[in-house]
C-alpha atoms as a PDB file:
ATOM      1  CA  MET A   1     -12.678 -20.942  -2.341  1.00  0.00           C
ATOM      2  CA  ILE A   2     -10.685 -20.650   0.913  1.00  0.00           C
ATOM      3  CA  VAL A   3      -8.790 -17.697  -0.543  1.00  0.00           C
ATOM      4  CA  GLY A   4     -12.113 -16.035  -1.328  1.00  0.00           C
ATOM      5  CA  TYR A   5     -13.274 -16.468   2.277  1.00  0.00           C
ATOM      6  CA  VAL A   6     -10.015 -14.976   3.573  1.00  0.00           C
ATOM      7  CA  PHE A   7     -10.376 -11.939   1.299  1.00  0.00           C
ATOM      8  CA  ALA A   8     -14.008 -11.486   2.393  1.00  0.00           C
ATOM      9  CA  LEU A   9     -13.143 -11.664   6.105  1.00  0.00           C
ATOM     10  CA  VAL A  10     -10.271  -9.173   5.741  1.00  0.00           C
ATOM     11  CA  ALA A  11     -12.636  -6.883   3.822  1.00  0.00           C
ATOM     12  CA  ALA A  12     -15.165  -7.045   6.672  1.00  0.00           C
ATOM     13  CA  LEU A  13     -12.514  -6.211   9.286  1.00  0.00           C
ATOM     14  CA  ALA A  14     -11.189  -3.330   7.208  1.00  0.00           C
ATOM     15  CA  SER A  15     -14.642  -1.943   6.465  1.00  0.00           C
ATOM     16  CA  GLY A  16     -15.701  -2.015  10.113  1.00  0.00           C
ATOM     17  CA  GLY A  17     -12.478  -0.431  11.320  1.00  0.00           C
ATOM     18  CA  GLY A  18     -12.516   2.191   8.570  1.00  0.00           C
ATOM     19  CA  SER A  19     -16.063   3.223   9.458  1.00  0.00           C
ATOM     20  CA  VAL A  20     -15.075   3.889  13.073  1.00  0.00           C
ATOM     21  CA  LEU A  21     -12.033   5.926  12.013  1.00  0.00           C
ATOM     22  CA  GLU A  22     -14.164   8.005   9.651  1.00  0.00           C
ATOM     23  CA  SER A  23     -16.757   8.567  12.377  1.00  0.00           C
ATOM     24  CA  ILE A  24     -14.009   9.719  14.746  1.00  0.00           C
ATOM     25  CA  GLY A  25     -12.745  12.124  12.093  1.00  0.00           C
ATOM     26  CA  VAL A  26     -16.207  13.618  11.596  1.00  0.00           C
ATOM     27  CA  ARG A  27     -16.577  14.222  15.333  1.00  0.00           C
ATOM     28  CA  ARG A  28     -13.086  15.585  15.865  1.00  0.00           C
ATOM     29  CA  ALA A  29     -13.673  18.021  13.000  1.00  0.00           C
ATOM     30  CA  GLY A  30     -16.754  19.294  14.830  1.00  0.00           C
ATOM     31  CA  ALA A  31     -18.902  18.350  11.848  1.00  0.00           C
ATOM     32  CA  TYR A  32     -21.205  15.957  13.721  1.00  0.00           C
ATOM     33  CA  GLY A  33     -24.749  17.349  13.713  1.00  0.00           C
ATOM     34  CA  GLY A  34     -23.728  20.252  11.468  1.00  0.00           C
ATOM     35  CA  SER A  35     -24.314  21.155   7.843  1.00  0.00           C
ATOM     36  CA  ALA A  36     -22.759  19.620   4.769  1.00  0.00           C
ATOM     37  CA  LEU A  37     -20.362  22.570   4.525  1.00  0.00           C
ATOM     38  CA  ASP A  38     -18.877  21.554   7.871  1.00  0.00           C
ATOM     39  CA  LEU A  39     -17.402  18.505   6.164  1.00  0.00           C
ATOM     40  CA  VAL A  40     -14.785  20.818   4.623  1.00  0.00           C
ATOM     41  CA  ARG A  41     -13.042  20.678   8.002  1.00  0.00           C
ATOM     42  CA  LEU A  42     -12.308  17.006   7.394  1.00  0.00           C
ATOM     43  CA  ARG A  43      -9.357  18.024   5.219  1.00  0.00           C
ATOM     44  CA  ARG A  44      -7.359  18.514   8.436  1.00  0.00           C
ATOM     45  CA  GLN A  45      -8.377  15.236  10.024  1.00  0.00           C
ATOM     46  CA  TRP A  46      -5.739  12.642   9.181  1.00  0.00           C
ATOM     47  CA  ILE A  47      -7.686   9.970  11.016  1.00  0.00           C
ATOM     48  CA  TYR A  48     -10.625  10.395   8.610  1.00  0.00           C
ATOM     49  CA  PHE A  49      -8.374   9.821   5.611  1.00  0.00           C
ATOM     50  CA  LEU A  50      -6.764   6.888   7.411  1.00  0.00           C
ATOM     51  CA  GLY A  51     -10.272   5.439   7.618  1.00  0.00           C
ATOM     52  CA  ILE A  52     -10.748   6.026   3.885  1.00  0.00           C
ATOM     53  CA  GLY A  53      -7.462   4.208   3.257  1.00  0.00           C
ATOM     54  CA  VAL A  54      -8.505   1.254   5.398  1.00  0.00           C
ATOM     55  CA  ASP A  55     -11.821   1.168   3.527  1.00  0.00           C
ATOM     56  CA  LEU A  56      -9.949   1.068   0.221  1.00  0.00           C
ATOM     57  CA  VAL A  57      -7.981  -1.948   1.437  1.00  0.00           C
ATOM     58  CA  GLY A  58     -11.293  -3.551   2.334  1.00  0.00           C
ATOM     59  CA  PHE A  59     -12.687  -2.720  -1.098  1.00  0.00           C
ATOM     60  CA  ALA A  60      -9.717  -4.325  -2.851  1.00  0.00           C
ATOM     61  CA  CYS A  61     -10.132  -7.483  -0.759  1.00  0.00           C
ATOM     62  CA  ALA A  62     -13.885  -7.530  -1.413  1.00  0.00           C
ATOM     63  CA  ALA A  63     -13.305  -7.201  -5.164  1.00  0.00           C
ATOM     64  CA  ALA A  64     -10.883 -10.143  -5.036  1.00  0.00           C
ATOM     65  CA  ALA A  65     -13.432 -12.193  -3.092  1.00  0.00           C
ATOM     66  CA  LEU A  66     -16.191 -11.334  -5.578  1.00  0.00           C
ATOM     67  CA  HIS A  67     -14.215 -12.918  -8.400  1.00  0.00           C
ATOM     68  CA  ARG A  68     -14.445 -16.220  -6.534  1.00  0.00           C
ATOM     69  CA  LEU A  69     -17.663 -16.196  -4.505  1.00  0.00           C
ATOM     70  CA  PRO A  70     -21.328 -15.217  -5.080  1.00  0.00           C
ATOM     71  CA  LEU A  71     -22.535 -11.729  -4.238  1.00  0.00           C
ATOM     72  CA  PHE A  72     -24.960 -12.917  -1.558  1.00  0.00           C
ATOM     73  CA  LEU A  73     -22.116 -14.536   0.383  1.00  0.00           C
ATOM     74  CA  VAL A  74     -19.473 -11.801   0.074  1.00  0.00           C
ATOM     75  CA  GLN A  75     -21.885  -8.966   0.838  1.00  0.00           C
ATOM     76  CA  SER A  76     -23.253 -10.857   3.833  1.00  0.00           C
ATOM     77  CA  VAL A  77     -19.728 -11.337   5.185  1.00  0.00           C
ATOM     78  CA  LEU A  78     -19.112  -7.625   4.657  1.00  0.00           C
ATOM     79  CA  ALA A  79     -22.281  -6.928   6.627  1.00  0.00           C
ATOM     80  CA  PHE A  80     -20.587  -8.557   9.601  1.00  0.00           C
ATOM     81  CA  SER A  81     -18.332  -5.495   9.753  1.00  0.00           C
ATOM     82  CA  ILE A  82     -21.237  -4.108  11.811  1.00  0.00           C
ATOM     83  CA  GLY A  83     -19.914  -6.341  14.586  1.00  0.00           C
ATOM     84  CA  VAL A  84     -16.406  -4.976  14.093  1.00  0.00           C
ATOM     85  CA  THR A  85     -17.753  -1.415  14.288  1.00  0.00           C
ATOM     86  CA  ALA A  86     -19.797  -2.224  17.401  1.00  0.00           C
ATOM     87  CA  ALA A  87     -16.847  -3.923  19.137  1.00  0.00           C
ATOM     88  CA  ILE A  88     -14.451  -1.030  18.458  1.00  0.00           C
ATOM     89  CA  SER A  89     -17.096   1.530  19.415  1.00  0.00           C
ATOM     90  CA  ALA A  90     -17.700  -0.352  22.676  1.00  0.00           C
ATOM     91  CA  PHE A  91     -13.968  -0.247  23.415  1.00  0.00           C
ATOM     92  CA  LEU A  92     -14.022   3.540  22.868  1.00  0.00           C
ATOM     93  CA  GLY A  93     -16.960   4.059  25.210  1.00  0.00           C
ATOM     94  CA  SER A  94     -20.167   3.259  23.344  1.00  0.00           C
ATOM     95  CA  ARG A  95     -22.400   0.772  25.139  1.00  0.00           C
ATOM     96  CA  LEU A  96     -24.201  -1.838  23.060  1.00  0.00           C
ATOM     97  CA  THR A  97     -26.677  -3.725  25.221  1.00  0.00           C
ATOM     98  CA  ALA A  98     -26.916  -7.502  25.544  1.00  0.00           C
ATOM     99  CA  PRO A  99     -29.750  -7.790  22.972  1.00  0.00           C
ATOM    100  CA  GLY A 100     -27.540  -5.944  20.497  1.00  0.00           C
ATOM    101  CA  TRP A 101     -24.693  -8.427  20.971  1.00  0.00           C
ATOM    102  CA  THR A 102     -27.197 -11.267  20.718  1.00  0.00           C
ATOM    103  CA  ALA A 103     -28.368  -9.858  17.399  1.00  0.00           C
ATOM    104  CA  LEU A 104     -24.781  -9.846  16.155  1.00  0.00           C
ATOM    105  CA  GLY A 105     -24.472 -13.499  17.164  1.00  0.00           C
ATOM    106  CA  ILE A 106     -27.630 -14.322  15.227  1.00  0.00           C
ATOM    107  CA  GLY A 107     -26.192 -12.542  12.205  1.00  0.00           C
ATOM    108  CA  ALA A 108     -22.991 -14.590  12.533  1.00  0.00           C
ATOM    109  CA  ILE A 109     -25.012 -17.811  12.470  1.00  0.00           C
ATOM    110  CA  GLY A 110     -26.654 -16.562   9.286  1.00  0.00           C
ATOM    111  CA  LEU A 111     -23.215 -16.016   7.721  1.00  0.00           C
ATOM    112  CA  VAL A 112     -22.193 -19.577   8.565  1.00  0.00           C
ATOM    113  CA  LEU A 113     -25.310 -20.910   6.829  1.00  0.00           C
ATOM    114  CA  LEU A 114     -24.616 -18.761   3.781  1.00  0.00           C
ATOM    115  CA  GLY A 115     -21.030 -19.962   3.670  1.00  0.00           C
ATOM    116  CA  LEU A 116     -22.170 -23.570   3.657  1.00  0.00           C
ATOM    117  CA  SER A 117     -24.707 -22.973   0.892  1.00  0.00           C
ATOM    118  CA  ALA A 118     -22.685 -20.873  -1.573  1.00  0.00           C
ATOM    119  CA  GLN A 119     -21.434 -22.384  -4.816  1.00  0.00           C
ATOM    120  CA  PRO A 120     -18.193 -20.694  -5.990  1.00  0.00           C
ATOM    121  CA  GLY A 121     -17.878 -19.646  -9.619  1.00  0.00           C
ATOM    122  CA  PRO A 122     -17.711 -16.693 -12.035  1.00  0.00           C
ATOM    123  CA  ALA A 123     -20.677 -14.431 -12.715  1.00  0.00           C
ATOM    124  CA  LYS A 124     -22.689 -14.275 -15.915  1.00  0.00           C
ATOM    125  CA  ALA A 125     -21.993 -11.218 -18.066  1.00  0.00           C
ATOM    126  CA  LEU A 126     -24.578  -8.446 -17.926  1.00  0.00           C
ATOM    127  CA  PRO A 127     -26.327  -7.221 -21.090  1.00  0.00           C
ATOM    128  CA  GLU A 128     -24.445  -4.338 -22.725  1.00  0.00           C
ATOM    129  CA  VAL A 129     -27.040  -1.703 -21.818  1.00  0.00           C
ATOM    130  CA  TRP A 130     -26.821  -2.555 -18.115  1.00  0.00           C
ATOM    131  CA  ARG A 131     -23.055  -2.106 -18.151  1.00  0.00           C
ATOM    132  CA  TRP A 132     -23.719   1.593 -18.856  1.00  0.00           C
ATOM    133  CA  VAL A 133     -26.662   1.883 -16.463  1.00  0.00           C
ATOM    134  CA  LEU A 134     -24.415   0.973 -13.524  1.00  0.00           C
ATOM    135  CA  PRO A 135     -22.149   4.075 -13.828  1.00  0.00           C
ATOM    136  CA  ALA A 136     -25.269   6.267 -14.154  1.00  0.00           C
ATOM    137  CA  MET A 137     -26.535   4.985 -10.783  1.00  0.00           C
ATOM    138  CA  ALA A 138     -23.988   7.316  -9.171  1.00  0.00           C
ATOM    139  CA  LEU A 139     -26.282  10.191 -10.184  1.00  0.00           C
ATOM    140  CA  VAL A 140     -29.146   8.601  -8.234  1.00  0.00           C
ATOM    141  CA  VAL A 141     -27.032   8.084  -5.113  1.00  0.00           C
ATOM    142  CA  GLY A 142     -25.628  11.607  -5.400  1.00  0.00           C
ATOM    143  CA  ALA A 143     -29.109  13.119  -5.803  1.00  0.00           C
ATOM    144  CA  ILE A 144     -30.365  11.371  -2.660  1.00  0.00           C
ATOM    145  CA  ALA A 145     -27.320  12.586  -0.705  1.00  0.00           C
ATOM    146  CA  TRP A 146     -27.726  16.158  -1.997  1.00  0.00           C
ATOM    147  CA  TYR A 147     -31.433  16.337  -1.141  1.00  0.00           C
ATOM    148  CA  PHE A 148     -31.445  14.732   2.308  1.00  0.00           C
ATOM    149  CA  ARG A 149     -28.293  16.488   3.549  1.00  0.00           C
ATOM    150  CA  ARG A 150     -30.493  19.435   4.595  1.00  0.00           C
ATOM    151  CA  PHE A 151     -32.598  17.509   7.122  1.00  0.00           C
ATOM    152  CA  ASP A 152     -31.283  17.363  10.673  1.00  0.00           C
ATOM    153  CA  ARG A 153     -33.360  14.378  11.789  1.00  0.00           C
ATOM    154  CA  PRO A 154     -32.483  10.794  12.800  1.00  0.00           C
ATOM    155  CA  TRP A 155     -34.384   9.416   9.810  1.00  0.00           C
ATOM    156  CA  ALA A 156     -32.164  11.469   7.488  1.00  0.00           C
ATOM    157  CA  ALA A 157     -29.177   9.392   8.616  1.00  0.00           C
ATOM    158  CA  GLN A 158     -31.159   6.251   7.813  1.00  0.00           C
ATOM    159  CA  VAL A 159     -32.017   7.484   4.304  1.00  0.00           C
ATOM    160  CA  LEU A 160     -28.391   8.451   3.687  1.00  0.00           C
ATOM    161  CA  GLY A 161     -27.295   5.048   4.992  1.00  0.00           C
ATOM    162  CA  PHE A 162     -29.714   3.461   2.517  1.00  0.00           C
ATOM    163  CA  ALA A 163     -28.253   5.545  -0.333  1.00  0.00           C
ATOM    164  CA  THR A 164     -24.778   4.444   0.717  1.00  0.00           C
ATOM    165  CA  GLY A 165     -25.908   0.832   0.587  1.00  0.00           C
ATOM    166  CA  VAL A 166     -27.295   1.291  -2.919  1.00  0.00           C
ATOM    167  CA  GLY A 167     -24.030   2.850  -4.073  1.00  0.00           C
ATOM    168  CA  PHE A 168     -21.911   0.066  -2.641  1.00  0.00           C
ATOM    169  CA  SER A 169     -24.311  -2.525  -4.093  1.00  0.00           C
ATOM    170  CA  VAL A 170     -23.556  -1.146  -7.552  1.00  0.00           C
ATOM    171  CA  VAL A 171     -19.847  -1.263  -6.729  1.00  0.00           C
ATOM    172  CA  GLY A 172     -20.204  -4.919  -5.736  1.00  0.00           C
ATOM    173  CA  VAL A 173     -22.175  -5.859  -8.842  1.00  0.00           C
ATOM    174  CA  SER A 174     -19.604  -4.076 -11.014  1.00  0.00           C
ATOM    175  CA  ALA A 175     -16.710  -5.850  -9.305  1.00  0.00           C
ATOM    176  CA  ARG A 176     -18.462  -9.200  -9.626  1.00  0.00           C
ATOM    177  CA  THR A 177     -18.999  -8.752 -13.397  1.00  0.00           C
ATOM    178  CA  LEU A 178     -15.681  -7.039 -14.194  1.00  0.00           C
ATOM    179  CA  ASN A 179     -13.553  -8.622 -16.869  1.00  0.00           C
ATOM    180  CA  LEU A 180     -10.108  -7.038 -16.660  1.00  0.00           C
ATOM    181  CA  PRO A 181      -8.964  -5.789 -20.083  1.00  0.00           C
ATOM    182  CA  SER A 182      -5.683  -7.084 -21.474  1.00  0.00           C
ATOM    183  CA  SER A 183      -4.238  -3.560 -21.672  1.00  0.00           C
ATOM    184  CA  GLY A 184      -4.114  -0.711 -19.196  1.00  0.00           C
ATOM    185  CA  TRP A 185      -5.758   1.612 -21.724  1.00  0.00           C
ATOM    186  CA  GLY A 186      -8.715  -0.717 -21.874  1.00  0.00           C
ATOM    187  CA  MET A 187      -9.470   0.094 -18.238  1.00  0.00           C
ATOM    188  CA  LEU A 188     -10.273   3.691 -19.231  1.00  0.00           C
ATOM    189  CA  VAL A 189     -13.233   2.641 -21.360  1.00  0.00           C
ATOM    190  CA  GLU A 190     -14.482  -0.246 -19.231  1.00  0.00           C
ATOM    191  CA  PRO A 191     -17.948   0.719 -17.846  1.00  0.00           C
ATOM    192  CA  ALA A 192     -17.578  -1.518 -14.788  1.00  0.00           C
ATOM    193  CA  VAL A 193     -14.426   0.338 -13.742  1.00  0.00           C
ATOM    194  CA  TRP A 194     -16.169   3.712 -13.974  1.00  0.00           C
ATOM    195  CA  ALA A 195     -19.208   2.280 -12.190  1.00  0.00           C
ATOM    196  CA  MET A 196     -16.987   1.268  -9.260  1.00  0.00           C
ATOM    197  CA  ILE A 197     -15.202   4.636  -9.155  1.00  0.00           C
ATOM    198  CA  LEU A 198     -18.253   6.898  -9.522  1.00  0.00           C
ATOM    199  CA  ASN A 199     -20.585   4.928  -7.256  1.00  0.00           C
ATOM    200  CA  GLY A 200     -17.815   4.441  -4.705  1.00  0.00           C
ATOM    201  CA  LEU A 201     -17.265   8.220  -4.540  1.00  0.00           C
ATOM    202  CA  ALA A 202     -21.009   8.946  -4.351  1.00  0.00           C
ATOM    203  CA  ALA A 203     -21.463   6.340  -1.612  1.00  0.00           C
ATOM    204  CA  ALA A 204     -18.486   7.742   0.342  1.00  0.00           C
ATOM    205  CA  VAL A 205     -20.048  11.228   0.294  1.00  0.00           C
ATOM    206  CA  ALA A 206     -23.438   9.848   1.347  1.00  0.00           C
ATOM    207  CA  PHE A 207     -21.747   7.906   4.148  1.00  0.00           C
ATOM    208  CA  ALA A 208     -19.927  10.998   5.448  1.00  0.00           C
ATOM    209  CA  LEU A 209     -23.226  12.902   5.489  1.00  0.00           C
ATOM    210  CA  ALA A 210     -24.907  10.006   7.286  1.00  0.00           C
ATOM    211  CA  LEU A 211     -22.197  10.008   9.963  1.00  0.00           C
ATOM    212  CA  GLN A 212     -23.022  13.670  10.602  1.00  0.00           C
ATOM    213  CA  LYS A 213     -26.537  12.742  11.581  1.00  0.00           C
ATOM    214  CA  GLY A 214     -26.208   9.293  13.177  1.00  0.00           C
ATOM    215  CA  GLY A 215     -23.808   6.910  14.882  1.00  0.00           C
ATOM    216  CA  ALA A 216     -21.380   4.675  12.992  1.00  0.00           C
ATOM    217  CA  THR A 217     -22.925   1.380  14.145  1.00  0.00           C
ATOM    218  CA  ALA A 218     -26.505   2.310  13.249  1.00  0.00           C
ATOM    219  CA  VAL A 219     -25.550   3.814   9.882  1.00  0.00           C
ATOM    220  CA  ASN A 220     -23.411   0.779   9.077  1.00  0.00           C
ATOM    221  CA  ALA A 221     -26.277  -1.591   9.904  1.00  0.00           C
ATOM    222  CA  ILE A 222     -28.663   0.155   7.501  1.00  0.00           C
ATOM    223  CA  MET A 223     -25.999   0.445   4.819  1.00  0.00           C
ATOM    224  CA  PHE A 224     -25.043  -3.218   4.920  1.00  0.00           C
ATOM    225  CA  THR A 225     -28.625  -4.440   5.194  1.00  0.00           C
ATOM    226  CA  THR A 226     -29.446  -2.561   1.994  1.00  0.00           C
ATOM    227  CA  ASN A 227     -26.220  -3.685   0.363  1.00  0.00           C
ATOM    228  CA  THR A 228     -26.720  -7.345   1.261  1.00  0.00           C
ATOM    229  CA  ALA A 229     -30.380  -7.546   0.267  1.00  0.00           C
ATOM    230  CA  LEU A 230     -30.054  -5.671  -3.032  1.00  0.00           C
ATOM    231  CA  SER A 231     -26.814  -7.370  -4.096  1.00  0.00           C
ATOM    232  CA  SER A 232     -28.134 -10.820  -3.231  1.00  0.00           C
ATOM    233  CA  VAL A 233     -31.263 -10.387  -5.351  1.00  0.00           C
ATOM    234  CA  ILE A 234     -29.275  -9.034  -8.312  1.00  0.00           C
ATOM    235  CA  GLY A 235     -26.695 -11.807  -8.050  1.00  0.00           C
ATOM    236  CA  LEU A 236     -29.205 -14.652  -7.808  1.00  0.00           C
ATOM    237  CA  VAL A 237     -31.602 -13.323 -10.450  1.00  0.00           C
ATOM    238  CA  PHE A 238     -29.296 -11.728 -13.033  1.00  0.00           C
ATOM    239  CA  LEU A 239     -25.713 -12.931 -12.485  1.00  0.00           C
ATOM    240  CA  ASP A 240     -26.305 -16.666 -12.176  1.00  0.00           C
ATOM    241  CA  ASP A 241     -24.958 -16.847  -8.621  1.00  0.00           C
ATOM    242  CA  ARG A 242     -25.546 -20.393  -7.479  1.00  0.00           C
ATOM    243  CA  VAL A 243     -26.583 -22.249  -4.344  1.00  0.00           C
ATOM    244  CA  ARG A 244     -25.344 -25.781  -3.650  1.00  0.00           C
ATOM    245  CA  ASP A 245     -27.857 -28.499  -4.457  1.00  0.00           C
ATOM    246  CA  GLY A 246     -30.075 -29.146  -1.458  1.00  0.00           C
ATOM    247  CA  PHE A 247     -28.911 -26.017   0.403  1.00  0.00           C
ATOM    248  CA  THR A 248     -31.616 -23.544  -0.661  1.00  0.00           C
ATOM    249  CA  ALA A 249     -33.130 -23.540   2.842  1.00  0.00           C
ATOM    250  CA  PHE A 250     -29.692 -22.702   4.248  1.00  0.00           C
ATOM    251  CA  THR A 251     -29.436 -19.689   1.922  1.00  0.00           C
ATOM    252  CA  ILE A 252     -32.899 -18.352   2.737  1.00  0.00           C
ATOM    253  CA  THR A 253     -32.453 -18.868   6.481  1.00  0.00           C
ATOM    254  CA  GLY A 254     -28.945 -17.413   6.379  1.00  0.00           C
ATOM    255  CA  LEU A 255     -30.065 -14.251   4.586  1.00  0.00           C
ATOM    256  CA  ILE A 256     -32.964 -13.769   6.998  1.00  0.00           C
ATOM    257  CA  LEU A 257     -30.740 -14.223  10.057  1.00  0.00           C
ATOM    258  CA  ALA A 258     -27.948 -12.030   8.664  1.00  0.00           C
ATOM    259  CA  MET A 259     -30.271  -9.142   7.791  1.00  0.00           C
ATOM    260  CA  ALA A 260     -32.366  -9.511  10.939  1.00  0.00           C
ATOM    261  CA  GLY A 261     -29.194  -9.374  13.014  1.00  0.00           C
ATOM    262  CA  ALA A 262     -28.131  -6.171  11.257  1.00  0.00           C
ATOM    263  CA  ILE A 263     -31.545  -4.519  11.664  1.00  0.00           C
ATOM    264  CA  VAL A 264     -31.828  -5.385  15.377  1.00  0.00           C
ATOM    265  CA  THR A 265     -28.259  -4.235  15.944  1.00  0.00           C
ATOM    266  CA  ALA A 266     -29.149  -0.928  14.289  1.00  0.00           C
ATOM    267  CA  HIS A 267     -32.097  -0.541  16.663  1.00  0.00           C
ATOM    268  CA  TYR A 268     -30.045  -1.047  19.815  1.00  0.00           C
ATOM    269  CA  ALA A 269     -27.042   0.864  18.487  1.00  0.00           C
ATOM    270  CA  THR A 270     -29.270   3.886  17.845  1.00  0.00           C
ATOM    271  CA  GLN A 271     -30.235   3.844  21.527  1.00  0.00           C
ATOM    272  CA  ALA A 272     -26.621   3.459  22.648  1.00  0.00           C
ATOM    273  CA  LYS A 273     -24.275   6.324  23.370  1.00  0.00           C
ATOM    274  CA  GLU A 274     -21.942   6.694  20.415  1.00  0.00           C
ATOM    275  CA  PRO A 275     -18.233   7.216  21.064  1.00  0.00           C
ATOM    276  CA  LEU A 276     -16.400  10.517  20.947  1.00  0.00           C
ATOM    277  CA  HIS A 277     -19.228  12.751  22.045  1.00  0.00           C
ATOM    278  CA  VAL A 278     -17.076  13.962  24.906  1.00  0.00           C
ATOM    279  CA  ALA A 279     -13.583  15.435  24.983  1.00  0.00           C
ATOM    280  CA  GLN A 280     -12.104  12.599  27.021  1.00  0.00           C
ATOM    281  CA  GLN A 281     -12.895  10.085  24.282  1.00  0.00           C
ATOM    282  CA  SER A 282     -11.569  12.412  21.623  1.00  0.00           C
ATOM    283  CA  ARG A 283      -8.218  12.651  23.391  1.00  0.00           C
ATOM    284  CA  VAL A 284      -7.771   8.878  23.255  1.00  0.00           C
ATOM    285  CA  LEU A 285      -6.693   9.036  19.628  1.00  0.00           C
ATOM    286  CA  ARG A 286      -4.773  12.311  19.644  1.00  0.00           C
END
C-alpha cells in the first residue's frame, strides 16, 4: 500500500510539472489564442515534448498505483497536481490569490481523508463488451476536441478540459482493470492496452487545444475534477473499489473537499495572470 501511495504522489508531481512545460511550449510556439493549425509549430518546441515525456512518467507511475489502490484515491491524488501546476506557475510569474491557495489546502485535506478511507485491492473484471467500449471512447473525446477547437472563447477551454478529463478517466479505468498477458504478442490484442493508447492520445490533443484557449492551472482543475468524479463513480459502482469499514463518511467528505478545492482553484486561477504572456518570462527557460 505504501508503494502505491509513493507511485501516486510521483505521478501527481510529474503530471503537474508536465502540464506547465506543455503550456510553456504552446506559448513559446506562438500558438496560444490561435487556431488548431498553429499547433504544428510545436514540433520545434523541445520543452513541449519534454512536458509530454514527464507526463508519460507520471502515467506509468499512476498505472502502477492503480494496480494497488482504488480509482477514487489515485485519481484524487493526481488531482493534487493542480497544486503543483499552481506553485510552478506562481514561481514563473502567475499570481494565485490567497483564496486560491486556501482552496488547494482544502483539497489536500480531502486527499488525506480519502487516503485514510481507501481499501487496497485488485479491481473486478469488466464485462467483455465494456472492454471494447473503452477504446471506442477515444472517438467521443476526439469528436469533442474537433468540434470545439473552432471557438475562441473561455468556455471552449473548459469544454476541452472536460473532454481531456473524460479521456484520462478511460485511461485510468483501463489501467485499473488491465491484466497483463503472459506474452508480448498478447498485448497487441488486449482491449485495455488500446484503450489506454487511443484515449491517451485523444486526451493529449484535447489538452493541447485547451491550453491554446486557457491557462494551465484552470484547465488542469477542470480536467482533474472531471477525471476524479467520473473515475470514482465507475470504480465504486462497477469495479468493486472498496472503502474501509466505518470510513464511508471520510470518503464522501474527502471527495467533496478534493473536488471543491479543484473547482475553486480553477475559479481563482482563471482570474490570475498566467505565466509566459510576456517576453521576459519566456526568456527564463531559453
